[in-house]
């Protein structure tokens, strides 16, 4: 599958046309941003790691009944995906207090929730991706009630699958961001990516951060953390051998 014209360039990825109107190629960059683009930098090798990690996790989710846009990994940075219309909501699933949740609600970072929680934000950079609830989403015509229910159900199922996967690698899935899209028939599928850019992943024993927070918070060792979490992903557990 050959790349055609570039349709879009975002903070972390480029999107290209293909020979098929139903398929696109996503190409992952090493560019890094934080705080809605206010902080910018480069993480060497990030594009390759994010591409391969996202694809591996998408395949796991597909094998567990979660529909996704993933079709095929083409090379280290490029992946073939189904064309979708993105639902303009960012869905944040939280298992542990961290980041903006800890700051906004005065909760000590690291507090484990009795059950997972979901936040919705309006996917709109100009407005700073504001928090909203389901009634806001309906009022703004961002999604239907049925679509919101499907998105929430998928998000909680994805969380359980990924939590189980990561704990087998000695990693705690603290929180993560998901985006969903609609196929031409209207069905909802998981889109975008699942990577250290979009997840908080902590070493279960030490609490070491193995994700983009090392870039956001100037903790150092960013490239090493990305490589380590990729190595953890590739580990085989006894059950898988």
C-alpha atoms as a PDB file:
ATOM      1  CA  UNK A   1       0.000   0.000   0.000  1.00  0.00           C
ATOM      2  CA  UNK A   2       1.553   3.288  -1.130  1.00  0.00           C
ATOM      3  CA  UNK A   3       1.280   6.656   0.563  1.00  0.00           C
ATOM      4  CA  UNK A   4      -0.686   9.285  -1.285  1.00  0.00           C
ATOM      5  CA  UNK A   5      -1.213  12.908  -0.382  1.00  0.00           C
ATOM      6  CA  UNK A   6      -0.786  13.952   3.235  1.00  0.00           C
ATOM      7  CA  UNK A   7      -4.210  14.764   4.645  1.00  0.00           C
ATOM      8  CA  UNK A   8      -3.227  15.940   8.085  1.00  0.00           C
ATOM      9  CA  UNK A   9      -0.236  16.539  10.330  1.00  0.00           C
ATOM     10  CA  UNK A  10      -0.817  16.579  14.061  1.00  0.00           C
ATOM     11  CA  UNK A  11       1.412  16.840  17.102  1.00  0.00           C
ATOM     12  CA  UNK A  12       2.619  13.242  16.939  1.00  0.00           C
ATOM     13  CA  UNK A  13       1.444  11.758  13.643  1.00  0.00           C
ATOM     14  CA  UNK A  14       0.921  12.370   9.945  1.00  0.00           C
ATOM     15  CA  UNK A  15      -2.002  10.881   8.019  1.00  0.00           C
ATOM     16  CA  UNK A  16      -1.813   9.976   4.318  1.00  0.00           C
ATOM     17  CA  UNK A  17      -4.250   8.886   1.636  1.00  0.00           C
ATOM     18  CA  UNK A  18      -3.873   5.457   0.034  1.00  0.00           C
ATOM     19  CA  UNK A  19      -5.101   3.806  -3.156  1.00  0.00           C
ATOM     20  CA  UNK A  20      -8.272   2.879  -1.275  1.00  0.00           C
ATOM     21  CA  UNK A  21     -10.782   5.515  -0.126  1.00  0.00           C
ATOM     22  CA  UNK A  22     -11.519   3.357   2.934  1.00  0.00           C
ATOM     23  CA  UNK A  23      -7.915   3.096   4.152  1.00  0.00           C
ATOM     24  CA  UNK A  24      -5.315   5.557   5.434  1.00  0.00           C
ATOM     25  CA  UNK A  25      -1.663   5.376   6.476  1.00  0.00           C
ATOM     26  CA  UNK A  26      -0.685   6.818   9.845  1.00  0.00           C
ATOM     27  CA  UNK A  27       2.989   7.758  10.236  1.00  0.00           C
ATOM     28  CA  UNK A  28       4.382   8.311  13.747  1.00  0.00           C
ATOM     29  CA  UNK A  29       6.797  11.165  14.493  1.00  0.00           C
ATOM     30  CA  UNK A  30       9.400  11.710  17.224  1.00  0.00           C
ATOM     31  CA  UNK A  31       7.947  15.141  18.050  1.00  0.00           C
ATOM     32  CA  UNK A  32       6.706  15.554  21.602  1.00  0.00           C
ATOM     33  CA  UNK A  33       4.331  18.138  23.004  1.00  0.00           C
ATOM     34  CA  UNK A  34       2.690  18.742  26.361  1.00  0.00           C
ATOM     35  CA  UNK A  35       0.244  21.176  27.959  1.00  0.00           C
ATOM     36  CA  UNK A  36      -1.794  21.588  24.774  1.00  0.00           C
ATOM     37  CA  UNK A  37       1.300  22.263  22.681  1.00  0.00           C
ATOM     38  CA  UNK A  38       2.886  24.844  24.974  1.00  0.00           C
ATOM     39  CA  UNK A  39       5.879  22.583  25.613  1.00  0.00           C
ATOM     40  CA  UNK A  40       7.601  21.089  22.598  1.00  0.00           C
ATOM     41  CA  UNK A  41      10.531  18.780  22.077  1.00  0.00           C
ATOM     42  CA  UNK A  42      11.744  15.558  20.513  1.00  0.00           C
ATOM     43  CA  UNK A  43      12.003  12.080  21.992  1.00  0.00           C
ATOM     44  CA  UNK A  44      14.420  10.032  19.887  1.00  0.00           C
ATOM     45  CA  UNK A  45      12.820   6.807  18.650  1.00  0.00           C
ATOM     46  CA  UNK A  46       9.401   7.657  20.082  1.00  0.00           C
ATOM     47  CA  UNK A  47       7.618   7.277  16.767  1.00  0.00           C
ATOM     48  CA  UNK A  48       8.828   3.726  16.287  1.00  0.00           C
ATOM     49  CA  UNK A  49       7.958   2.700  19.853  1.00  0.00           C
ATOM     50  CA  UNK A  50       4.516   4.320  19.777  1.00  0.00           C
ATOM     51  CA  UNK A  51       3.705   2.746  16.430  1.00  0.00           C
ATOM     52  CA  UNK A  52       4.737  -0.753  17.445  1.00  0.00           C
ATOM     53  CA  UNK A  53       3.258  -0.582  20.954  1.00  0.00           C
ATOM     54  CA  UNK A  54      -0.051   0.794  19.753  1.00  0.00           C
ATOM     55  CA  UNK A  55      -0.319  -1.872  17.080  1.00  0.00           C
ATOM     56  CA  UNK A  56       0.513  -4.686  19.499  1.00  0.00           C
ATOM     57  CA  UNK A  57      -2.102  -3.485  21.982  1.00  0.00           C
ATOM     58  CA  UNK A  58      -4.688  -2.954  19.231  1.00  0.00           C
ATOM     59  CA  UNK A  59      -4.178  -6.562  18.135  1.00  0.00           C
ATOM     60  CA  UNK A  60      -4.647  -7.773  21.716  1.00  0.00           C
ATOM     61  CA  UNK A  61      -7.848  -5.754  22.013  1.00  0.00           C
ATOM     62  CA  UNK A  62      -9.140  -7.039  18.674  1.00  0.00           C
ATOM     63  CA  UNK A  63      -8.500 -10.596  19.843  1.00  0.00           C
ATOM     64  CA  UNK A  64     -10.631  -9.782  22.885  1.00  0.00           C
ATOM     65  CA  UNK A  65     -13.588  -8.515  20.865  1.00  0.00           C
ATOM     66  CA  UNK A  66     -12.852  -4.770  20.753  1.00  0.00           C
ATOM     67  CA  UNK A  67     -13.288  -3.339  17.236  1.00  0.00           C
ATOM     68  CA  UNK A  68     -10.478  -1.009  16.200  1.00  0.00           C
ATOM     69  CA  UNK A  69      -9.310   0.933  13.151  1.00  0.00           C
ATOM     70  CA  UNK A  70      -6.068  -1.111  12.978  1.00  0.00           C
ATOM     71  CA  UNK A  71      -5.441  -3.067   9.765  1.00  0.00           C
ATOM     72  CA  UNK A  72      -1.712  -3.746   9.332  1.00  0.00           C
ATOM     73  CA  UNK A  73       1.709  -2.544  10.459  1.00  0.00           C
ATOM     74  CA  UNK A  74       3.584  -1.532   7.306  1.00  0.00           C
ATOM     75  CA  UNK A  75       6.996  -0.676   8.762  1.00  0.00           C
ATOM     76  CA  UNK A  76       8.586   0.762  11.905  1.00  0.00           C
ATOM     77  CA  UNK A  77       6.685   4.051  11.689  1.00  0.00           C
ATOM     78  CA  UNK A  78       3.744   3.466   9.345  1.00  0.00           C
ATOM     79  CA  UNK A  79       0.459   1.646   9.939  1.00  0.00           C
ATOM     80  CA  UNK A  80      -2.519   1.004   7.696  1.00  0.00           C
ATOM     81  CA  UNK A  81      -5.838   1.867   9.341  1.00  0.00           C
ATOM     82  CA  UNK A  82      -9.482   2.048   8.405  1.00  0.00           C
ATOM     83  CA  UNK A  83     -10.740   5.545   7.675  1.00  0.00           C
ATOM     84  CA  UNK A  84     -13.084   6.745  10.394  1.00  0.00           C
ATOM     85  CA  UNK A  85     -14.803   9.955  11.392  1.00  0.00           C
ATOM     86  CA  UNK A  86     -13.384  10.770  14.805  1.00  0.00           C
ATOM     87  CA  UNK A  87     -15.897  11.381  17.558  1.00  0.00           C
ATOM     88  CA  UNK A  88     -14.712  14.734  19.014  1.00  0.00           C
ATOM     89  CA  UNK A  89     -14.380  13.387  22.540  1.00  0.00           C
ATOM     90  CA  UNK A  90     -11.295  12.340  24.445  1.00  0.00           C
ATOM     91  CA  UNK A  91     -12.125   9.531  26.841  1.00  0.00           C
ATOM     92  CA  UNK A  92      -9.851   9.309  29.876  1.00  0.00           C
ATOM     93  CA  UNK A  93     -10.005   6.175  32.001  1.00  0.00           C
ATOM     94  CA  UNK A  94      -8.435   6.467  35.456  1.00  0.00           C
ATOM     95  CA  UNK A  95      -7.507   3.719  37.905  1.00  0.00           C
ATOM     96  CA  UNK A  96      -5.171   5.768  40.115  1.00  0.00           C
ATOM     97  CA  UNK A  97      -5.140   9.468  41.004  1.00  0.00           C
ATOM     98  CA  UNK A  98      -2.530  11.317  38.937  1.00  0.00           C
ATOM     99  CA  UNK A  99      -1.990  14.347  36.742  1.00  0.00           C
ATOM    100  CA  UNK A 100      -4.873  16.774  36.359  1.00  0.00           C
ATOM    101  CA  UNK A 101      -7.229  14.664  38.480  1.00  0.00           C
ATOM    102  CA  UNK A 102      -4.932  14.858  41.495  1.00  0.00           C
ATOM    103  CA  UNK A 103      -4.391  18.583  40.925  1.00  0.00           C
ATOM    104  CA  UNK A 104      -8.003  19.554  40.240  1.00  0.00           C
ATOM    105  CA  UNK A 105      -9.574  17.586  43.082  1.00  0.00           C
ATOM    106  CA  UNK A 106      -6.862  17.779  45.735  1.00  0.00           C
ATOM    107  CA  UNK A 107      -6.194  14.044  45.754  1.00  0.00           C
ATOM    108  CA  UNK A 108      -2.738  12.714  46.556  1.00  0.00           C
ATOM    109  CA  UNK A 109      -1.123  11.241  43.471  1.00  0.00           C
ATOM    110  CA  UNK A 110      -1.005   7.471  43.706  1.00  0.00           C
ATOM    111  CA  UNK A 111      -4.314   6.946  45.521  1.00  0.00           C
ATOM    112  CA  UNK A 112      -6.002   3.887  43.995  1.00  0.00           C
ATOM    113  CA  UNK A 113      -9.679   4.358  43.188  1.00  0.00           C
ATOM    114  CA  UNK A 114     -12.209   1.801  44.476  1.00  0.00           C
ATOM    115  CA  UNK A 115     -13.333   1.417  40.864  1.00  0.00           C
ATOM    116  CA  UNK A 116     -12.237   2.937  37.548  1.00  0.00           C
ATOM    117  CA  UNK A 117     -13.600   6.318  36.539  1.00  0.00           C
ATOM    118  CA  UNK A 118     -14.117   7.971  33.155  1.00  0.00           C
ATOM    119  CA  UNK A 119     -13.686  11.607  32.178  1.00  0.00           C
ATOM    120  CA  UNK A 120     -14.803  13.125  28.900  1.00  0.00           C
ATOM    121  CA  UNK A 121     -13.175  16.154  27.320  1.00  0.00           C
ATOM    122  CA  UNK A 122     -14.185  18.093  24.226  1.00  0.00           C
ATOM    123  CA  UNK A 123     -11.526  17.420  21.576  1.00  0.00           C
ATOM    124  CA  UNK A 124     -10.918  21.054  20.666  1.00  0.00           C
ATOM    125  CA  UNK A 125      -7.416  22.538  20.926  1.00  0.00           C
ATOM    126  CA  UNK A 126      -8.670  26.106  20.556  1.00  0.00           C
ATOM    127  CA  UNK A 127     -10.766  25.681  23.710  1.00  0.00           C
ATOM    128  CA  UNK A 128      -8.099  23.728  25.590  1.00  0.00           C
ATOM    129  CA  UNK A 129      -9.967  20.380  25.490  1.00  0.00           C
ATOM    130  CA  UNK A 130     -12.398  21.309  28.304  1.00  0.00           C
ATOM    131  CA  UNK A 131     -13.990  18.726  30.581  1.00  0.00           C
ATOM    132  CA  UNK A 132     -17.617  17.985  29.848  1.00  0.00           C
ATOM    133  CA  UNK A 133     -20.305  15.544  30.891  1.00  0.00           C
ATOM    134  CA  UNK A 134     -22.614  13.407  28.784  1.00  0.00           C
ATOM    135  CA  UNK A 135     -25.355  16.039  28.769  1.00  0.00           C
ATOM    136  CA  UNK A 136     -22.888  18.565  27.367  1.00  0.00           C
ATOM    137  CA  UNK A 137     -21.851  16.072  24.690  1.00  0.00           C
ATOM    138  CA  UNK A 138     -25.491  15.563  23.732  1.00  0.00           C
ATOM    139  CA  UNK A 139     -26.223  19.301  23.760  1.00  0.00           C
ATOM    140  CA  UNK A 140     -23.225  19.976  21.497  1.00  0.00           C
ATOM    141  CA  UNK A 141     -24.252  17.093  19.216  1.00  0.00           C
ATOM    142  CA  UNK A 142     -20.844  15.463  19.629  1.00  0.00           C
ATOM    143  CA  UNK A 143     -22.349  11.981  19.934  1.00  0.00           C
ATOM    144  CA  UNK A 144     -25.706  10.278  20.389  1.00  0.00           C
ATOM    145  CA  UNK A 145     -26.817   8.592  23.601  1.00  0.00           C
ATOM    146  CA  UNK A 146     -26.270   5.188  21.965  1.00  0.00           C
ATOM    147  CA  UNK A 147     -22.783   6.176  20.849  1.00  0.00           C
ATOM    148  CA  UNK A 148     -21.889   7.451  24.317  1.00  0.00           C
ATOM    149  CA  UNK A 149     -23.081   4.205  25.880  1.00  0.00           C
ATOM    150  CA  UNK A 150     -21.030   2.174  23.392  1.00  0.00           C
ATOM    151  CA  UNK A 151     -17.946   4.316  24.013  1.00  0.00           C
ATOM    152  CA  UNK A 152     -18.217   3.951  27.802  1.00  0.00           C
ATOM    153  CA  UNK A 153     -18.749   0.204  27.586  1.00  0.00           C
ATOM    154  CA  UNK A 154     -15.754  -0.224  25.280  1.00  0.00           C
ATOM    155  CA  UNK A 155     -13.590   2.033  27.477  1.00  0.00           C
ATOM    156  CA  UNK A 156     -14.239  -0.001  30.626  1.00  0.00           C
ATOM    157  CA  UNK A 157     -13.652  -3.284  28.776  1.00  0.00           C
ATOM    158  CA  UNK A 158     -10.420  -1.940  27.280  1.00  0.00           C
ATOM    159  CA  UNK A 159      -9.297  -0.908  30.744  1.00  0.00           C
ATOM    160  CA  UNK A 160      -9.771  -4.405  32.161  1.00  0.00           C
ATOM    161  CA  UNK A 161      -7.933  -6.017  29.252  1.00  0.00           C
ATOM    162  CA  UNK A 162      -5.002  -3.596  29.398  1.00  0.00           C
ATOM    163  CA  UNK A 163      -4.761  -3.625  33.213  1.00  0.00           C
ATOM    164  CA  UNK A 164      -4.449  -7.414  33.142  1.00  0.00           C
ATOM    165  CA  UNK A 165      -1.882  -7.290  30.370  1.00  0.00           C
ATOM    166  CA  UNK A 166       0.317  -4.668  32.019  1.00  0.00           C
ATOM    167  CA  UNK A 167       0.223  -6.145  35.513  1.00  0.00           C
ATOM    168  CA  UNK A 168       1.649  -9.353  34.015  1.00  0.00           C
ATOM    169  CA  UNK A 169       4.626  -7.185  32.965  1.00  0.00           C
ATOM    170  CA  UNK A 170       5.038  -5.586  36.396  1.00  0.00           C
ATOM    171  CA  UNK A 171       3.410  -2.344  35.270  1.00  0.00           C
ATOM    172  CA  UNK A 172       0.470  -0.436  36.746  1.00  0.00           C
ATOM    173  CA  UNK A 173      -1.902   1.146  34.256  1.00  0.00           C
ATOM    174  CA  UNK A 174      -2.604   4.420  36.056  1.00  0.00           C
ATOM    175  CA  UNK A 175      -4.732   6.136  33.427  1.00  0.00           C
ATOM    176  CA  UNK A 176      -4.988   6.500  29.669  1.00  0.00           C
ATOM    177  CA  UNK A 177      -6.699   8.457  26.902  1.00  0.00           C
ATOM    178  CA  UNK A 178      -8.780   6.885  24.166  1.00  0.00           C
ATOM    179  CA  UNK A 179     -10.351   8.231  21.002  1.00  0.00           C
ATOM    180  CA  UNK A 180     -13.097   6.547  19.019  1.00  0.00           C
ATOM    181  CA  UNK A 181     -14.255   6.863  15.448  1.00  0.00           C
ATOM    182  CA  UNK A 182     -17.250   5.950  13.327  1.00  0.00           C
ATOM    183  CA  UNK A 183     -17.108   3.740  10.252  1.00  0.00           C
ATOM    184  CA  UNK A 184     -19.296   4.536   7.240  1.00  0.00           C
ATOM    185  CA  UNK A 185     -21.981   2.191   8.619  1.00  0.00           C
ATOM    186  CA  UNK A 186     -22.061   4.221  11.854  1.00  0.00           C
ATOM    187  CA  UNK A 187     -20.455   1.602  14.068  1.00  0.00           C
ATOM    188  CA  UNK A 188     -18.027   2.769  16.760  1.00  0.00           C
ATOM    189  CA  UNK A 189     -14.410   1.556  16.744  1.00  0.00           C
ATOM    190  CA  UNK A 190     -11.323   2.384  18.778  1.00  0.00           C
ATOM    191  CA  UNK A 191      -9.007   4.746  16.879  1.00  0.00           C
ATOM    192  CA  UNK A 192      -5.904   6.904  17.432  1.00  0.00           C
ATOM    193  CA  UNK A 193      -3.170   5.175  19.494  1.00  0.00           C
ATOM    194  CA  UNK A 194      -2.334   3.498  22.800  1.00  0.00           C
ATOM    195  CA  UNK A 195       1.233   4.373  23.769  1.00  0.00           C
ATOM    196  CA  UNK A 196       3.436   5.963  26.454  1.00  0.00           C
ATOM    197  CA  UNK A 197       2.201   9.275  25.006  1.00  0.00           C
ATOM    198  CA  UNK A 198      -1.407   8.478  25.894  1.00  0.00           C
ATOM    199  CA  UNK A 199      -1.027   6.270  28.998  1.00  0.00           C
ATOM    200  CA  UNK A 200       0.453   6.675  32.452  1.00  0.00           C
ATOM    201  CA  UNK A 201       2.434   3.504  33.141  1.00  0.00           C
ATOM    202  CA  UNK A 202       4.268   3.036  36.435  1.00  0.00           C
ATOM    203  CA  UNK A 203       6.573   0.253  37.541  1.00  0.00           C
ATOM    204  CA  UNK A 204       4.411  -1.711  39.982  1.00  0.00           C
ATOM    205  CA  UNK A 205       7.216  -2.240  42.489  1.00  0.00           C
ATOM    206  CA  UNK A 206       8.983   1.126  42.476  1.00  0.00           C
ATOM    207  CA  UNK A 207       6.424   3.560  41.067  1.00  0.00           C
ATOM    208  CA  UNK A 208       8.927   4.672  38.427  1.00  0.00           C
ATOM    209  CA  UNK A 209       7.179   6.550  35.627  1.00  0.00           C
ATOM    210  CA  UNK A 210       7.610   4.880  32.246  1.00  0.00           C
ATOM    211  CA  UNK A 211       5.646   7.305  30.107  1.00  0.00           C
ATOM    212  CA  UNK A 212       5.371  10.858  28.775  1.00  0.00           C
ATOM    213  CA  UNK A 213       5.245  12.340  32.290  1.00  0.00           C
ATOM    214  CA  UNK A 214       9.035  12.126  32.255  1.00  0.00           C
ATOM    215  CA  UNK A 215       8.931  14.682  29.414  1.00  0.00           C
ATOM    216  CA  UNK A 216       6.097  16.764  30.883  1.00  0.00           C
ATOM    217  CA  UNK A 217       7.759  17.066  34.294  1.00  0.00           C
ATOM    218  CA  UNK A 218      11.405  17.278  33.167  1.00  0.00           C
ATOM    219  CA  UNK A 219      12.259  14.086  35.045  1.00  0.00           C
ATOM    220  CA  UNK A 220      14.962  13.024  32.584  1.00  0.00           C
ATOM    221  CA  UNK A 221      15.520   9.573  31.140  1.00  0.00           C
ATOM    222  CA  UNK A 222      12.644   9.945  28.700  1.00  0.00           C
ATOM    223  CA  UNK A 223      14.085   7.824  25.902  1.00  0.00           C
ATOM    224  CA  UNK A 224      15.197   5.150  28.389  1.00  0.00           C
ATOM    225  CA  UNK A 225      11.687   4.995  29.865  1.00  0.00           C
ATOM    226  CA  UNK A 226      10.086   4.558  26.436  1.00  0.00           C
ATOM    227  CA  UNK A 227      12.545   1.798  25.577  1.00  0.00           C
ATOM    228  CA  UNK A 228      11.953   0.098  28.929  1.00  0.00           C
ATOM    229  CA  UNK A 229       8.179   0.062  28.566  1.00  0.00           C
ATOM    230  CA  UNK A 230       8.572  -1.370  25.060  1.00  0.00           C
ATOM    231  CA  UNK A 231      10.844  -4.100  26.453  1.00  0.00           C
ATOM    232  CA  UNK A 232       8.217  -4.857  29.111  1.00  0.00           C
ATOM    233  CA  UNK A 233       5.542  -5.137  26.437  1.00  0.00           C
ATOM    234  CA  UNK A 234       7.615  -7.701  24.542  1.00  0.00           C
ATOM    235  CA  UNK A 235       8.213  -9.861  27.623  1.00  0.00           C
ATOM    236  CA  UNK A 236       6.599 -13.267  27.567  1.00  0.00           C
ATOM    237  CA  UNK A 237       4.871 -14.453  30.737  1.00  0.00           C
ATOM    238  CA  UNK A 238       4.720 -18.113  31.751  1.00  0.00           C
ATOM    239  CA  UNK A 239       1.105 -18.277  30.579  1.00  0.00           C
ATOM    240  CA  UNK A 240       2.121 -17.077  27.111  1.00  0.00           C
ATOM    241  CA  UNK A 241       5.107 -19.354  26.624  1.00  0.00           C
END
